[in-house]
Amino acid sequence: MDTFEEIKLKGFVEEEIDPTLDLFVEIEKLKKEKNAVILAHYYQEPDIQDIADYIGDSLGLSQQAAKTDADIIVFAGVHFMAETAKILSPNKKVLLPDLKAGCSLADSCPPHLFRKFKENYPDHLVITYVNCTAELKALSDIVCTSSNAIQIVESLPKDQKIIFGPDKNLGAYVAKKTGRDLVLWNGACMVHEIFSREKITKLKERYPNAKLLAHPECEEVILKMADYIGSTTGLLKYATKSPEKEFIVATESGIIHQMQKDNPGKVFIPAPPNNSCACNDCPHMKRNTLEKLYLCIKNEMPEINVPQHIIERAVKPIERMLEISARLGL
């Protein structure tokens, strides 16, 4: 059976866009006309980042979605991010430029299988990484992001047993940093699992002064090589504050646009994958384009809707994350 979003999308025929239109100007007009805000993830293409009202990682985007006074939230990211915005702002219209912009990590944790997994650990509290479906959030006690996962785990009593999902690499990193014995779901992100230790080693030989920056979704073998490990926002801040001039970046390559904008005198090199494809580009993130963004705001579709019973259950662990983050000053 088609989802509500798919049914609506079938009634939407993509229009041809007048090639003489200045899409930056037109999008700005539409934003004012419709009281719309564009939230964009760091992994979006440069044009989208440049026109967004707010650019950030999952935590920052969640915080913005919760407090915006716009009538329409246009989420330039992937499906689970738009769902999170809808959960936090259920009375607002939430749009996603391309409905097929999914997430390999979210797909690696089907809610019906996670529910059975969870039943094996009835005395465990469930922390789920925000990169998951609304249904999975509804099965959780607390949601986290890569920016606050360590602090959220550390905020809980040491004797509290914890299930962490869906990212096994982030979970293993959090377990190592906190000294906690976490039960991990076996999920992963296709982009962050593809980096090659051998190719990075050769790249470091070419750039001996370059610092390796890595996202904690990377495999442990890459994290052991890293000079700094952090969320996308963390990587960006480190690159800006560091006196070093060269960096190898092991995360989705979209972040390099902001790194270069903020640090025009520095060199940023995307970490190579273990094959010849451009696998350090997320194919889901890159489904969104400036043209799709324009049509999305113009036609106010595709629209993201989440069932009310899911919203009521999923909002609690997200709000708990935001409360802990605010208390800790994150």
Protein backbone atom coordinates (compact mmCIF):
# COMPACT_ATOMS: atom_id res chain seq x y z
CA MET A 1 0.00 0.00 0.00
CA ASP A 2 1.28 3.48 -0.84
CA THR A 3 2.19 5.81 1.99
CA PHE A 4 0.33 9.07 2.39
CA GLU A 5 3.35 10.93 1.00
CA GLU A 6 3.55 8.63 -2.06
CA ILE A 7 -0.15 9.10 -2.81
CA LYS A 8 0.27 12.87 -2.71
CA LEU A 9 3.42 12.69 -4.81
CA LYS A 10 1.62 10.81 -7.58
CA GLY A 11 -0.50 13.89 -8.12
CA PHE A 12 2.59 16.02 -8.56
CA VAL A 13 4.10 16.28 -12.03
CA GLU A 14 7.52 17.90 -12.00
CA GLU A 15 7.37 21.13 -13.95
CA GLU A 16 9.84 22.44 -16.42
CA ILE A 17 11.58 25.45 -14.98
CA ASP A 18 12.19 28.55 -17.06
CA PRO A 19 15.99 28.50 -17.55
CA THR A 20 16.11 32.31 -17.34
CA LEU A 21 14.82 32.30 -13.76
CA ASP A 22 17.24 33.25 -11.01
CA LEU A 23 16.30 30.50 -8.58
CA PHE A 24 18.01 32.20 -5.65
CA VAL A 25 15.83 35.29 -6.17
CA GLU A 26 12.66 33.24 -6.75
CA ILE A 27 13.20 31.10 -3.68
CA GLU A 28 13.72 34.19 -1.52
CA LYS A 29 10.43 35.61 -2.86
CA LEU A 30 8.57 32.40 -2.11
CA LYS A 31 9.99 32.21 1.41
CA LYS A 32 8.66 35.68 2.22
CA GLU A 33 5.32 35.06 0.51
CA LYS A 34 4.68 31.79 2.33
CA ASN A 35 6.49 32.52 5.61
CA ALA A 36 8.74 29.54 4.97
CA VAL A 37 12.11 28.68 6.48
CA ILE A 38 14.76 26.47 4.85
CA LEU A 39 16.72 24.21 7.17
CA ALA A 40 19.68 22.51 5.47
CA HIS A 41 22.13 19.87 6.60
CA TYR A 42 25.86 20.36 6.06
CA TYR A 43 25.80 17.48 3.58
CA GLN A 44 23.59 19.29 1.07
CA GLU A 45 24.96 20.64 -2.21
CA PRO A 46 26.63 24.09 -1.98
CA ASP A 47 23.77 26.03 -3.65
CA ILE A 48 21.28 24.75 -1.08
CA GLN A 49 23.60 25.51 1.81
CA ASP A 50 24.07 29.04 0.49
CA ILE A 51 20.35 29.82 0.33
CA ALA A 52 19.34 28.10 3.57
CA ASP A 53 18.18 30.12 6.58
CA TYR A 54 19.94 27.72 8.89
CA ILE A 55 22.69 25.17 8.21
CA GLY A 56 23.63 22.63 10.82
CA ASP A 57 23.99 19.09 12.06
CA SER A 58 21.17 16.94 13.39
CA LEU A 59 21.15 18.54 16.86
CA GLY A 60 21.15 22.11 15.55
CA LEU A 61 18.49 21.34 12.98
CA SER A 62 16.28 19.72 15.64
CA GLN A 63 16.64 22.77 17.86
CA GLN A 64 15.73 25.10 14.99
CA ALA A 65 12.72 22.99 13.99
CA ALA A 66 11.45 23.13 17.58
CA LYS A 67 11.59 26.92 17.87
CA THR A 68 10.85 28.32 14.41
CA ASP A 69 7.85 30.60 13.97
CA ALA A 70 7.60 29.90 10.24
CA ASP A 71 4.39 28.42 8.83
CA ILE A 72 6.30 26.12 6.49
CA ILE A 73 9.52 24.22 7.23
CA VAL A 74 11.40 23.20 4.10
CA PHE A 75 13.86 20.55 5.18
CA ALA A 76 16.81 20.20 2.83
CA GLY A 77 18.08 16.92 4.17
CA VAL A 78 16.78 13.37 4.28
CA HIS A 79 13.45 11.83 5.25
CA PHE A 80 14.11 11.12 8.94
CA MET A 81 15.19 14.75 9.46
CA ALA A 82 11.94 16.06 7.99
CA GLU A 83 10.03 13.59 10.16
CA THR A 84 11.81 14.93 13.23
CA ALA A 85 10.80 18.47 12.27
CA LYS A 86 7.18 17.35 11.90
CA ILE A 87 7.26 15.61 15.28
CA LEU A 88 8.56 18.77 16.94
CA SER A 89 6.26 21.12 15.00
CA PRO A 90 3.14 19.04 14.25
CA ASN A 91 1.00 22.05 13.36
CA LYS A 92 3.41 23.30 10.72
CA LYS A 93 3.67 22.14 7.13
CA VAL A 94 6.94 20.27 6.60
CA LEU A 95 8.29 19.80 3.09
CA LEU A 96 11.12 17.67 1.68
CA PRO A 97 12.44 18.53 -1.83
CA ASP A 98 12.81 14.86 -2.82
CA LEU A 99 10.70 12.24 -1.08
CA LYS A 100 13.21 9.53 -2.03
CA ALA A 101 15.98 11.16 0.00
CA GLY A 102 16.26 8.37 2.53
CA CYS A 103 19.07 7.11 4.78
CA SER A 104 21.01 3.85 4.68
CA LEU A 105 21.49 3.94 8.46
CA ALA A 106 17.78 4.42 9.13
CA ASP A 107 17.02 1.60 6.69
CA SER A 108 19.40 -0.72 8.58
CA CYS A 109 17.06 -0.75 11.59
CA PRO A 110 13.48 -1.81 10.72
CA PRO A 111 11.23 -0.91 13.67
CA HIS A 112 9.49 -4.30 13.84
CA LEU A 113 12.85 -6.07 14.21
CA PHE A 114 14.13 -3.55 16.72
CA ARG A 115 10.97 -4.03 18.80
CA LYS A 116 11.75 -7.76 19.08
CA PHE A 117 15.40 -6.98 19.85
CA LYS A 118 14.32 -4.58 22.58
CA GLU A 119 12.12 -7.27 24.18
CA ASN A 120 15.27 -9.31 24.91
CA TYR A 121 16.48 -6.55 27.25
CA PRO A 122 13.43 -5.49 29.30
CA ASP A 123 15.51 -3.73 31.98
CA HIS A 124 17.45 -1.60 29.47
CA LEU A 125 16.83 2.03 28.61
CA VAL A 126 16.81 2.68 24.85
CA ILE A 127 18.92 5.48 23.36
CA THR A 128 18.59 5.87 19.62
CA TYR A 129 20.69 7.99 17.31
CA VAL A 130 18.54 10.62 15.59
CA ASN A 131 19.36 9.04 12.20
CA CYS A 132 16.38 6.70 12.39
CA THR A 133 12.70 6.58 11.47
CA ALA A 134 9.89 8.17 13.44
CA GLU A 135 8.67 4.68 14.38
CA LEU A 136 12.05 3.84 15.89
CA LYS A 137 12.09 7.07 17.87
CA ALA A 138 8.66 6.06 19.21
CA LEU A 139 10.29 2.90 20.61
CA SER A 140 12.99 4.91 22.40
CA ASP A 141 13.50 6.52 25.77
CA ILE A 142 16.01 9.16 24.64
CA VAL A 143 17.16 10.29 21.21
CA CYS A 144 20.73 11.53 20.72
CA THR A 145 22.95 12.99 18.03
CA SER A 146 26.66 12.58 17.40
CA SER A 147 27.09 15.98 19.11
CA ASN A 148 25.59 14.91 22.43
CA ALA A 149 25.63 11.08 22.55
CA ILE A 150 28.53 10.86 25.00
CA GLN A 151 27.09 13.51 27.32
CA ILE A 152 23.63 11.93 27.29
CA VAL A 153 25.00 8.51 28.24
CA GLU A 154 27.16 10.10 30.97
CA SER A 155 24.11 11.95 32.35
CA LEU A 156 22.48 8.62 33.27
CA PRO A 157 23.22 6.60 36.42
CA LYS A 158 26.24 4.31 35.97
CA ASP A 159 24.18 1.24 36.82
CA GLN A 160 21.59 2.03 34.13
CA LYS A 161 21.64 -0.64 31.42
CA ILE A 162 21.43 0.80 27.91
CA ILE A 163 20.55 -0.33 24.40
CA PHE A 164 22.14 1.94 21.78
CA GLY A 165 21.04 1.94 18.16
CA PRO A 166 21.03 1.96 15.27
CA ASP A 167 24.68 2.90 14.53
CA LYS A 168 27.13 0.30 15.84
CA ASN A 169 30.19 2.46 15.10
CA LEU A 170 28.89 5.50 16.97
CA GLY A 171 27.70 3.18 19.75
CA ALA A 172 31.13 1.54 20.06
CA TYR A 173 32.78 4.96 20.16
CA VAL A 174 30.39 6.16 22.88
CA ALA A 175 30.96 2.96 24.87
CA LYS A 176 34.73 3.44 24.66
CA LYS A 177 34.59 7.11 25.69
CA THR A 178 32.17 6.57 28.58
CA GLY A 179 33.35 3.16 29.78
CA ARG A 180 29.76 1.91 29.64
CA ASP A 181 28.76 -1.55 28.46
CA LEU A 182 26.18 -0.72 25.78
CA VAL A 183 24.07 -3.27 23.93
CA LEU A 184 24.46 -2.28 20.28
CA TRP A 185 22.17 -2.72 17.29
CA ASN A 186 24.13 -3.82 14.21
CA GLY A 187 23.45 -0.85 11.90
CA ALA A 188 25.75 1.47 9.96
CA CYS A 189 25.92 4.36 7.47
CA MET A 190 27.05 3.39 3.97
CA VAL A 191 29.10 6.59 3.57
CA HIS A 192 31.01 6.36 6.84
CA GLU A 193 31.81 2.66 6.45
CA ILE A 194 33.44 3.06 3.04
CA PHE A 195 36.61 5.00 3.94
CA SER A 196 39.87 3.21 3.17
CA ARG A 197 42.64 3.02 5.77
CA GLU A 198 45.20 2.21 3.09
CA LYS A 199 44.22 5.15 0.86
CA ILE A 200 44.10 7.55 3.81
CA THR A 201 47.58 6.38 4.84
CA LYS A 202 48.89 7.12 1.33
CA LEU A 203 47.13 10.47 1.35
CA LYS A 204 48.81 11.35 4.65
CA GLU A 205 52.16 10.57 3.03
CA ARG A 206 51.37 13.17 0.36
CA TYR A 207 50.16 15.65 2.98
CA PRO A 208 52.33 14.88 6.04
CA ASN A 209 51.11 17.94 7.93
CA ALA A 210 47.41 17.29 7.32
CA LYS A 211 45.21 16.49 10.30
CA LEU A 212 42.68 13.68 9.86
CA LEU A 213 39.18 14.69 10.99
CA ALA A 214 36.66 11.85 11.38
CA HIS A 215 32.99 11.51 12.23
CA PRO A 216 32.25 8.91 14.95
CA GLU A 217 30.06 6.97 12.50
CA CYS A 218 33.33 5.83 10.86
CA GLU A 219 34.73 2.38 11.62
CA GLU A 220 37.13 2.03 14.53
CA VAL A 221 40.12 1.49 12.23
CA ILE A 222 39.59 5.01 10.83
CA LEU A 223 38.88 6.56 14.24
CA LYS A 224 42.18 5.19 15.57
CA MET A 225 43.99 7.14 12.84
CA ALA A 226 42.10 10.39 13.45
CA ASP A 227 43.59 13.51 15.00
CA TYR A 228 40.11 14.70 15.93
CA ILE A 229 36.76 12.89 16.16
CA GLY A 230 33.50 14.81 16.25
CA SER A 231 30.09 15.60 14.81
CA THR A 232 29.84 17.61 11.60
CA THR A 233 29.60 20.81 13.65
CA GLY A 234 32.49 19.63 15.82
CA LEU A 235 34.66 18.97 12.77
CA LEU A 236 33.84 22.40 11.36
CA LYS A 237 34.69 24.18 14.62
CA TYR A 238 37.93 22.23 15.02
CA ALA A 239 39.06 23.09 11.50
CA THR A 240 38.32 26.77 12.13
CA LYS A 241 40.08 26.98 15.49
CA SER A 242 43.08 24.84 14.55
CA PRO A 243 46.29 26.60 13.51
CA GLU A 244 46.92 23.80 11.00
CA LYS A 245 46.42 24.55 7.31
CA GLU A 246 45.65 21.11 5.81
CA PHE A 247 42.94 18.62 6.74
CA ILE A 248 41.77 15.24 5.49
CA VAL A 249 38.03 14.98 6.16
CA ALA A 250 36.44 11.56 6.82
CA THR A 251 32.75 12.29 6.61
CA GLU A 252 30.27 13.17 3.86
CA SER A 253 32.05 15.61 1.56
CA GLY A 254 29.28 18.24 1.68
CA ILE A 255 30.77 19.63 4.90
CA ILE A 256 33.85 20.78 2.98
CA HIS A 257 31.84 23.62 1.39
CA GLN A 258 31.32 25.27 4.77
CA MET A 259 34.87 24.48 5.87
CA GLN A 260 36.25 26.27 2.83
CA LYS A 261 33.86 29.23 3.24
CA ASP A 262 34.87 29.67 6.88
CA ASN A 263 38.58 29.03 6.24
CA PRO A 264 39.56 30.30 2.77
CA GLY A 265 43.27 29.99 3.51
CA LYS A 266 43.14 26.30 4.43
CA VAL A 267 43.10 23.10 2.37
CA PHE A 268 40.44 20.40 2.88
CA ILE A 269 40.80 17.00 1.23
CA PRO A 270 37.93 14.47 1.23
CA ALA A 271 39.02 11.11 2.65
CA PRO A 272 39.03 8.50 -0.15
CA PRO A 273 36.66 5.52 -0.17
CA ASN A 274 37.87 1.96 -0.69
CA ASN A 275 36.75 1.88 -4.31
CA SER A 276 36.67 4.23 -7.29
CA CYS A 277 33.15 5.62 -6.82
CA ALA A 278 32.27 8.91 -5.14
CA CYS A 279 31.01 7.03 -2.09
CA ASN A 280 31.93 9.80 0.32
CA ASP A 281 28.95 11.63 -1.21
CA CYS A 282 25.66 10.49 0.29
CA PRO A 283 23.42 9.63 -2.70
CA HIS A 284 20.33 10.36 -0.59
CA MET A 285 21.47 13.82 0.54
CA LYS A 286 22.45 14.68 -3.00
CA ARG A 287 18.98 13.88 -4.38
CA ASN A 288 17.95 17.37 -3.30
CA THR A 289 18.76 20.10 -5.83
CA LEU A 290 18.14 23.82 -6.08
CA GLU A 291 15.52 23.14 -8.77
CA LYS A 292 13.67 20.64 -6.56
CA LEU A 293 13.89 23.06 -3.65
CA TYR A 294 12.26 25.79 -5.75
CA LEU A 295 9.42 23.53 -6.94
CA CYS A 296 8.96 22.17 -3.42
CA ILE A 297 8.29 25.63 -1.98
CA LYS A 298 6.27 26.77 -4.98
CA ASN A 299 3.91 23.77 -4.95
CA GLU A 300 4.16 23.05 -1.20
CA MET A 301 4.92 19.40 -1.81
CA PRO A 302 6.10 16.72 -1.19
CA GLU A 303 4.74 17.13 2.30
CA ILE A 304 5.88 15.00 5.23
CA ASN A 305 3.21 13.69 7.57
CA VAL A 306 3.64 11.47 10.61
CA PRO A 307 0.69 9.62 12.24
CA GLN A 308 -0.50 11.31 15.41
CA HIS A 309 0.08 8.24 17.61
CA ILE A 310 3.70 8.10 16.43
CA ILE A 311 4.16 11.83 17.06
CA GLU A 312 2.84 11.48 20.62
CA ARG A 313 5.33 8.71 21.43
CA ALA A 314 8.31 9.97 19.41
CA VAL A 315 8.24 13.54 20.69
CA LYS A 316 9.02 12.46 24.28
CA PRO A 317 12.52 11.02 23.66
CA ILE A 318 13.38 13.94 21.36
CA GLU A 319 12.26 16.48 23.96
CA ARG A 320 14.26 14.61 26.59
CA MET A 321 17.35 14.96 24.36
CA LEU A 322 16.74 18.68 23.91
CA GLU A 323 16.21 19.14 27.66
CA ILE A 324 19.45 17.31 28.52
CA SER A 325 21.33 19.25 25.83
CA ALA A 326 20.01 22.56 27.16
CA ARG A 327 20.89 21.62 30.73
CA LEU A 328 24.43 20.68 29.71
CA GLY A 329 24.81 23.74 27.50
CA LEU A 330 25.23 21.77 24.28
